[in-house]
Protein backbone atom coordinates (compact mmCIF):
# COMPACT_ATOMS: atom_id res chain seq x y z
CA MET A 1 105.91 166.90 114.46
CA ASN A 2 102.59 167.45 112.67
CA ASN A 3 99.83 167.35 115.30
CA LYS A 4 97.61 165.37 112.94
CA VAL A 5 100.10 162.52 112.79
CA PRO A 6 99.39 160.01 115.56
CA GLU A 7 102.14 158.89 117.88
CA LEU A 8 103.57 155.53 116.97
CA ARG A 9 102.73 153.07 119.75
CA LEU A 10 103.50 149.61 118.38
CA VAL A 11 105.71 148.14 115.66
CA ALA A 12 105.70 144.51 114.57
CA TRP A 13 109.04 143.89 112.89
CA GLU A 14 109.55 140.80 110.75
CA THR A 15 113.24 140.43 111.52
CA THR A 16 113.43 137.41 109.22
CA ARG A 17 111.01 135.33 107.18
CA SER A 18 112.97 132.14 107.84
CA CYS A 19 111.18 129.71 110.12
CA ASN A 20 111.57 126.15 111.29
CA LEU A 21 107.81 125.46 111.15
CA ASP A 22 105.19 125.41 108.37
CA CYS A 23 102.02 126.47 110.22
CA ILE A 24 98.83 126.21 108.18
CA HIS A 25 97.64 129.74 109.04
CA CYS A 26 100.94 131.62 108.51
CA ARG A 27 100.34 135.05 106.93
CA ALA A 28 103.90 135.01 105.56
CA ALA A 29 103.88 131.42 104.29
CA ALA A 30 107.25 131.36 106.05
CA SER A 31 109.65 128.49 105.48
CA ARG A 32 113.27 127.68 106.16
CA GLY A 33 114.78 130.21 103.78
CA PRO A 34 117.21 131.86 103.47
CA TYR A 35 115.40 134.88 102.03
CA GLU A 36 117.01 137.49 99.83
CA GLY A 37 117.20 141.14 100.83
CA GLU A 38 116.93 140.87 104.61
CA PHE A 39 118.43 143.70 106.61
CA LYS A 40 121.82 143.66 108.31
CA THR A 41 122.38 144.61 111.93
CA ASP A 42 123.33 148.22 111.17
CA ASP A 43 120.13 148.64 109.15
CA PHE A 44 118.10 147.82 112.24
CA PHE A 45 120.06 150.37 114.27
CA ARG A 46 119.49 153.09 111.66
CA ILE A 47 115.77 152.41 111.42
CA MET A 48 115.36 152.44 115.22
CA ASP A 49 117.02 155.86 115.27
CA GLU A 50 114.36 156.98 112.78
CA ILE A 51 111.51 155.34 114.69
CA GLU A 52 112.49 157.33 117.77
CA LYS A 53 111.57 160.54 115.93
CA VAL A 54 107.86 159.61 115.91
CA GLY A 55 107.42 157.76 119.20
CA LYS A 56 108.71 155.37 121.81
CA PRO A 57 106.75 152.29 120.76
CA ILE A 58 106.64 148.71 121.85
CA ILE A 59 108.69 146.82 119.27
CA ILE A 60 107.72 143.21 118.62
CA LEU A 61 110.62 141.25 117.17
CA THR A 62 108.86 138.64 115.10
CA GLY A 63 109.31 136.52 112.00
CA GLY A 64 109.38 133.83 110.71
CA GLU A 65 111.29 132.82 113.79
CA PRO A 66 113.41 135.67 115.22
CA LEU A 67 115.67 133.29 117.14
CA LEU A 68 117.09 132.17 113.78
CA ARG A 69 118.86 135.55 113.52
CA GLU A 70 122.30 135.42 115.13
CA ASP A 71 122.20 139.17 115.84
CA ILE A 72 118.70 139.23 117.38
CA PHE A 73 120.03 140.05 120.85
CA GLU A 74 122.19 142.90 119.53
CA ILE A 75 119.08 144.31 117.87
CA SER A 76 117.03 143.95 121.05
CA LYS A 77 119.67 145.55 123.24
CA TYR A 78 119.98 148.54 120.91
CA GLY A 79 116.23 149.11 121.05
CA ALA A 80 116.05 148.68 124.81
CA ASN A 81 118.86 151.22 125.26
CA LYS A 82 116.80 153.71 123.25
CA GLY A 83 113.90 153.30 125.65
CA PHE A 84 111.69 151.08 123.48
CA ARG A 85 109.78 148.27 125.17
CA MET A 86 111.23 145.23 123.42
CA VAL A 87 109.24 142.00 123.19
CA MET A 88 109.63 138.88 121.08
CA ALA A 89 107.17 136.64 119.25
CA THR A 90 108.60 133.15 118.95
CA ASN A 91 107.11 129.76 118.14
CA GLY A 92 108.81 128.46 121.27
CA THR A 93 110.53 125.47 119.72
CA LEU A 94 114.01 127.02 119.88
CA VAL A 95 113.75 128.51 123.37
CA ASN A 96 116.38 127.20 125.79
CA ASP A 97 118.21 128.24 128.97
CA GLU A 98 120.96 130.03 127.08
CA ASN A 99 118.84 132.19 124.80
CA LEU A 100 116.30 132.97 127.51
CA GLN A 101 119.10 134.45 129.59
CA LYS A 102 120.26 136.38 126.51
CA MET A 103 116.73 137.68 126.05
CA LYS A 104 116.71 139.05 129.58
CA ASP A 105 120.20 140.51 129.25
CA SER A 106 119.27 142.23 125.97
CA GLY A 107 116.15 143.88 127.38
CA ILE A 108 113.36 141.60 126.16
CA GLN A 109 110.48 142.21 128.60
CA ARG A 110 108.00 139.59 127.39
CA ILE A 111 107.81 136.79 124.88
CA SER A 112 104.74 135.49 123.13
CA MET A 113 104.12 131.95 121.94
CA SER A 114 101.13 130.35 120.28
CA ILE A 115 98.83 127.63 121.53
CA ASP A 116 96.24 126.75 118.88
CA GLY A 117 94.94 123.55 120.40
CA ALA A 118 94.20 122.48 123.96
CA THR A 119 96.03 119.18 123.47
CA ALA A 120 99.27 118.10 121.86
CA ASP A 121 97.36 116.31 119.12
CA SER A 122 95.23 119.28 118.02
CA HIS A 123 98.03 121.87 118.38
CA ASP A 124 100.54 119.77 116.44
CA LYS A 125 98.07 119.21 113.60
CA PHE A 126 97.52 122.97 113.39
CA ARG A 127 101.25 123.62 113.42
CA LYS A 128 102.08 120.68 111.13
CA VAL A 129 104.96 119.64 113.40
CA ASP A 130 104.89 116.67 115.73
CA GLY A 131 106.09 117.64 119.20
CA ALA A 132 105.44 121.38 118.74
CA PHE A 133 103.03 121.46 121.69
CA ASP A 134 105.51 119.76 124.01
CA LYS A 135 108.20 122.24 122.91
CA VAL A 136 105.96 125.18 123.85
CA MET A 137 105.26 123.58 127.24
CA GLU A 138 109.01 123.19 127.78
CA ALA A 139 109.58 126.81 126.77
CA ILE A 140 106.91 127.97 129.22
CA GLU A 141 108.59 126.10 132.07
CA LEU A 142 111.89 127.75 131.14
CA CYS A 143 110.18 131.16 131.16
CA LYS A 144 108.99 130.49 134.71
CA LYS A 145 112.48 129.38 135.71
CA HIS A 146 114.05 132.58 134.33
CA GLY A 147 111.27 134.93 135.43
CA MET A 148 110.36 135.86 131.85
CA PRO A 149 106.70 136.91 131.48
CA PHE A 150 105.00 135.05 128.64
CA GLN A 151 101.90 135.69 126.57
CA ILE A 152 99.86 133.15 124.63
CA ASN A 153 98.47 133.89 121.16
CA THR A 154 95.64 131.78 119.74
CA THR A 155 94.32 131.93 116.19
CA ILE A 156 90.63 131.01 116.10
CA THR A 157 89.21 129.01 113.19
CA LYS A 158 86.47 126.42 112.72
CA ILE A 159 89.17 123.85 113.43
CA ASN A 160 89.69 124.88 117.05
CA ILE A 161 86.72 127.07 118.02
CA ASP A 162 85.26 124.37 120.26
CA GLU A 163 88.58 124.16 122.12
CA ILE A 164 88.84 127.89 122.93
CA PRO A 165 87.41 127.59 126.49
CA ALA A 166 89.85 124.75 127.19
CA ILE A 167 92.75 126.78 125.75
CA PHE A 168 91.72 129.68 127.99
CA ASP A 169 91.76 127.40 131.05
CA LEU A 170 95.12 125.97 130.03
CA CYS A 171 96.65 129.45 129.72
CA GLU A 172 95.44 130.33 133.22
CA LYS A 173 96.83 127.10 134.60
CA LEU A 174 100.20 127.69 132.92
CA GLY A 175 100.48 131.21 134.38
CA ALA A 176 100.36 133.29 131.19
CA VAL A 177 100.30 137.05 131.82
CA ALA A 178 98.15 137.57 128.72
CA LEU A 179 96.01 135.77 126.17
CA HIS A 180 95.58 137.37 122.76
CA ILE A 181 93.04 135.81 120.40
CA PHE A 182 93.52 136.33 116.66
CA LEU A 183 90.58 136.09 114.29
CA LEU A 184 91.92 134.54 111.10
CA VAL A 185 92.66 136.84 108.17
CA PRO A 186 93.02 134.59 105.09
CA THR A 187 96.33 135.83 103.70
CA GLY A 188 99.57 133.99 102.95
CA ARG A 189 99.30 130.30 103.79
CA GLY A 190 96.15 131.23 105.72
CA LYS A 191 94.33 131.40 102.34
CA GLU A 192 94.30 127.62 102.49
CA LEU A 193 92.16 128.01 105.62
CA GLU A 194 89.66 130.41 104.09
CA GLU A 195 86.89 127.83 104.38
CA GLN A 196 87.80 127.42 108.05
CA GLU A 197 87.23 131.10 108.85
CA ILE A 198 84.40 131.30 111.34
CA PRO A 199 81.24 133.06 110.07
CA PRO A 200 80.24 136.57 111.24
CA ASP A 201 77.65 135.37 113.77
CA GLU A 202 80.27 133.12 115.37
CA TYR A 203 82.61 136.13 115.59
CA GLU A 204 79.97 137.90 117.66
CA LYS A 205 79.56 134.91 119.98
CA VAL A 206 83.31 134.49 120.49
CA LEU A 207 83.86 138.19 121.16
CA ASN A 208 80.96 138.35 123.62
CA TRP A 209 82.40 135.30 125.39
CA PHE A 210 85.78 137.04 125.46
CA TYR A 211 84.18 140.16 126.95
CA ASP A 212 82.68 138.10 129.78
CA LYS A 213 85.99 136.36 130.47
CA GLN A 214 87.87 139.59 131.19
CA PHE A 215 85.93 139.91 134.45
CA GLN A 216 86.83 136.36 135.45
CA THR A 217 90.61 136.33 135.07
CA LYS A 218 93.80 138.12 136.03
CA MET A 219 95.24 137.54 132.57
CA GLN A 220 95.39 140.50 130.20
CA LEU A 221 92.99 139.74 127.34
CA LYS A 222 93.19 141.26 123.88
CA ALA A 223 91.24 140.54 120.70
CA THR A 224 93.41 141.04 117.60
CA CYS A 225 92.19 141.29 114.00
CA ALA A 226 88.71 141.65 115.50
CA PRO A 227 88.15 145.40 115.77
CA HIS A 228 84.41 144.94 116.22
CA TYR A 229 85.26 143.77 119.76
CA TYR A 230 85.59 147.45 120.68
CA ARG A 231 82.03 148.03 119.50
CA ILE A 232 80.79 145.02 121.45
CA LEU A 233 82.64 146.21 124.56
CA ARG A 234 80.81 149.54 124.46
CA GLN A 235 77.46 147.96 123.69
CA ARG A 236 77.76 145.52 126.56
CA ALA A 237 79.14 148.13 128.96
CA LYS A 238 76.17 150.41 128.24
CA GLU A 239 73.71 147.56 128.79
CA GLU A 240 75.38 146.66 132.10
CA GLY A 241 75.87 150.23 133.34
CA ARG A 242 79.66 149.94 133.29
CA LYS A 243 81.83 152.97 132.66
CA VAL A 244 84.29 152.53 129.79
CA ASP A 245 87.41 153.71 131.57
CA PHE A 246 90.90 152.43 132.30
CA LYS A 247 89.96 151.25 135.80
CA THR A 248 87.28 148.92 134.44
CA PHE A 249 88.62 147.88 131.04
CA GLY A 250 92.35 148.69 131.14
CA LEU A 251 93.95 149.50 127.78
CA ASP A 252 90.82 148.39 125.91
CA ALA A 253 89.17 151.60 127.09
CA VAL A 254 91.79 153.85 125.50
CA THR A 255 92.74 151.99 122.34
CA LYS A 256 91.03 151.35 119.02
CA GLY A 257 90.18 148.29 117.02
CA CYS A 258 92.16 148.50 113.80
CA LEU A 259 95.36 150.43 114.55
CA GLY A 260 96.96 149.92 111.14
CA GLY A 261 98.62 153.19 110.12
CA LYS A 262 97.21 154.96 113.20
CA GLY A 263 99.29 153.80 116.14
CA PHE A 264 100.72 150.62 114.66
CA CYS A 265 102.61 149.41 111.63
CA PHE A 266 104.43 146.37 110.34
CA ILE A 267 107.93 146.24 108.84
CA SER A 268 108.58 143.33 106.50
CA HIS A 269 111.78 141.29 106.32
CA THR A 270 112.88 143.39 103.35
CA GLY A 271 111.98 146.77 104.87
CA ILE A 272 108.57 147.38 103.32
CA VAL A 273 106.32 149.26 105.76
CA GLN A 274 102.71 148.03 105.85
CA PRO A 275 99.63 148.96 107.93
CA CYS A 276 99.79 145.45 109.42
CA GLY A 277 101.21 142.06 108.56
CA TYR A 278 97.98 140.94 106.93
CA LEU A 279 97.46 144.04 104.78
CA GLU A 280 100.25 143.76 102.23
CA LEU A 281 100.27 147.32 100.92
CA ASN A 282 103.58 149.07 100.26
CA CYS A 283 103.43 152.24 102.34
CA GLY A 284 107.14 152.91 102.06
CA ASP A 285 110.50 151.23 101.45
CA LEU A 286 113.06 151.64 104.24
CA LYS A 287 115.87 150.94 101.81
CA LYS A 288 114.91 154.18 100.05
CA GLN A 289 113.10 156.26 102.70
CA SER A 290 113.47 157.05 106.38
CA PHE A 291 110.92 155.52 108.73
CA ASP A 292 109.73 158.88 110.05
CA ASP A 293 109.11 160.07 106.49
CA VAL A 294 106.96 157.00 105.80
CA TRP A 295 105.02 157.31 109.06
CA ILE A 296 104.23 160.99 108.54
CA ASN A 297 103.71 161.15 104.77
CA SER A 298 102.43 157.77 103.54
CA LYS A 299 99.30 158.33 101.45
CA ILE A 300 97.81 155.03 102.57
CA PHE A 301 98.48 155.71 106.26
CA ASN A 302 96.86 159.13 106.00
CA GLU A 303 93.80 157.63 104.30
CA LEU A 304 93.47 154.99 107.00
CA ARG A 305 93.61 157.69 109.68
CA ASN A 306 90.37 159.27 108.44
CA GLU A 307 87.57 156.84 109.35
CA ASP A 308 84.97 159.26 107.97
CA GLU A 309 86.17 158.38 104.48
CA TYR A 310 85.64 154.65 104.92
CA ARG A 311 83.09 153.22 102.53
CA GLY A 312 79.86 151.35 103.07
CA LYS A 313 78.48 151.02 106.55
CA CYS A 314 81.90 151.48 108.18
CA GLY A 315 81.97 155.10 106.99
CA ILE A 316 78.75 156.07 108.78
CA CYS A 317 78.88 153.69 111.76
CA GLU A 318 78.71 155.41 115.15
CA TYR A 319 81.49 153.07 116.31
CA ARG A 320 83.87 153.85 113.42
CA LYS A 321 86.30 155.81 115.63
CA VAL A 322 86.75 152.93 118.10
CA CYS A 323 86.36 149.99 115.70
CA GLY A 324 87.29 150.94 112.15
CA GLY A 325 86.69 147.44 110.79
CA CYS A 326 89.45 145.08 109.71
CA ARG A 327 91.12 146.84 106.79
CA ALA A 328 92.99 143.66 105.79
CA ARG A 329 89.81 141.60 105.63
CA ALA A 330 88.08 144.35 103.63
CA TYR A 331 90.98 144.41 101.18
CA GLU A 332 91.10 140.63 100.76
CA VAL A 333 87.37 140.45 100.03
CA THR A 334 86.88 143.60 97.92
CA GLY A 335 90.31 144.84 96.81
CA ASP A 336 89.55 148.14 98.60
CA TYR A 337 91.22 148.77 101.96
CA LEU A 338 88.67 151.50 102.74
CA ALA A 339 85.67 149.24 102.12
CA GLU A 340 83.36 148.09 104.90
CA GLU A 341 84.35 145.22 107.17
CA PRO A 342 82.81 142.14 105.51
CA TYR A 343 82.59 140.09 108.71
CA CYS A 344 80.60 142.51 110.85
CA ILE A 345 76.86 141.93 111.31
CA TYR A 346 76.17 145.27 113.02
CA GLU A 347 73.99 147.74 111.14
CA PRO A 348 74.69 151.42 111.96
CA LYS A 349 71.83 153.50 113.30
CA ARG A 350 72.14 155.89 110.36
CA GLY A 351 71.61 153.11 107.86
CA ARG A 352 73.78 152.49 104.81
CA ARG A 353 75.19 155.00 102.37
């Protein structure tokens, strides 16, 4: 393999776009479907054989709602047998005793569910489904019963920003192994929430709060779609005399902000490979190309891998190798996926180009 091609570490795979919810922030604007052109079981097997040629990644089976696929456990088992770490992102409303046991039997090692409000009222309004919060709570209790580790994902907007500390406390109380916060990228149905995207100065406050919380909890914390967190981490660590190493910061010390096309990619429900789910650029079509060919040779991926070619302040920022800016947010605002991150207030020491 070409030494310049990074090892694939993480794949988010939209196994179906069909969903039983209509969440207001959904990047896919997913609905009940059915959707044309979705892959068959054997297609998943073929593509996983190709993925193996460029890494042994974590594979996130997502959607839509992956539990709407009848073959989802066959797909998971095939990946687990190949040595991939298989996890599932579900909205939680369809989780029951039977399919939780099937998850375990098929090699699923963790599931993630979303909590976007600290109460049933605020969560259900966000999800546009009455009873969605109670369903997630039921699913969490079933996870505990079956010994299935669960992670909570929270999308932060102006709607729920004041509830984030309470959501954090709730996740600890529930026994989540991890809390991942997502900073809204206004794509798909999320465009309707564009006015609810928190401003850049609020991003800084939230990410600094998140930094402080990692020293106060046993939960694994990860900021997603907020690559500037990795700049803040290093700034704060330097101020506090902390060494940025695995012992102190875990995986945050050895990973980057935006991983799109570098160690991560997204596969759509029709087999289009993208840098991430929010950056809808066609980097390859798995109905026409092999996955390893796309990963190695995609023009867009290879451009994203060279942070020195990023434009504006991102291209000369001393943190460009660990942050990289949100490429999806840059694209949505400017139409240029190599443009500077529009929601970062940091000014590089070298000034602007």
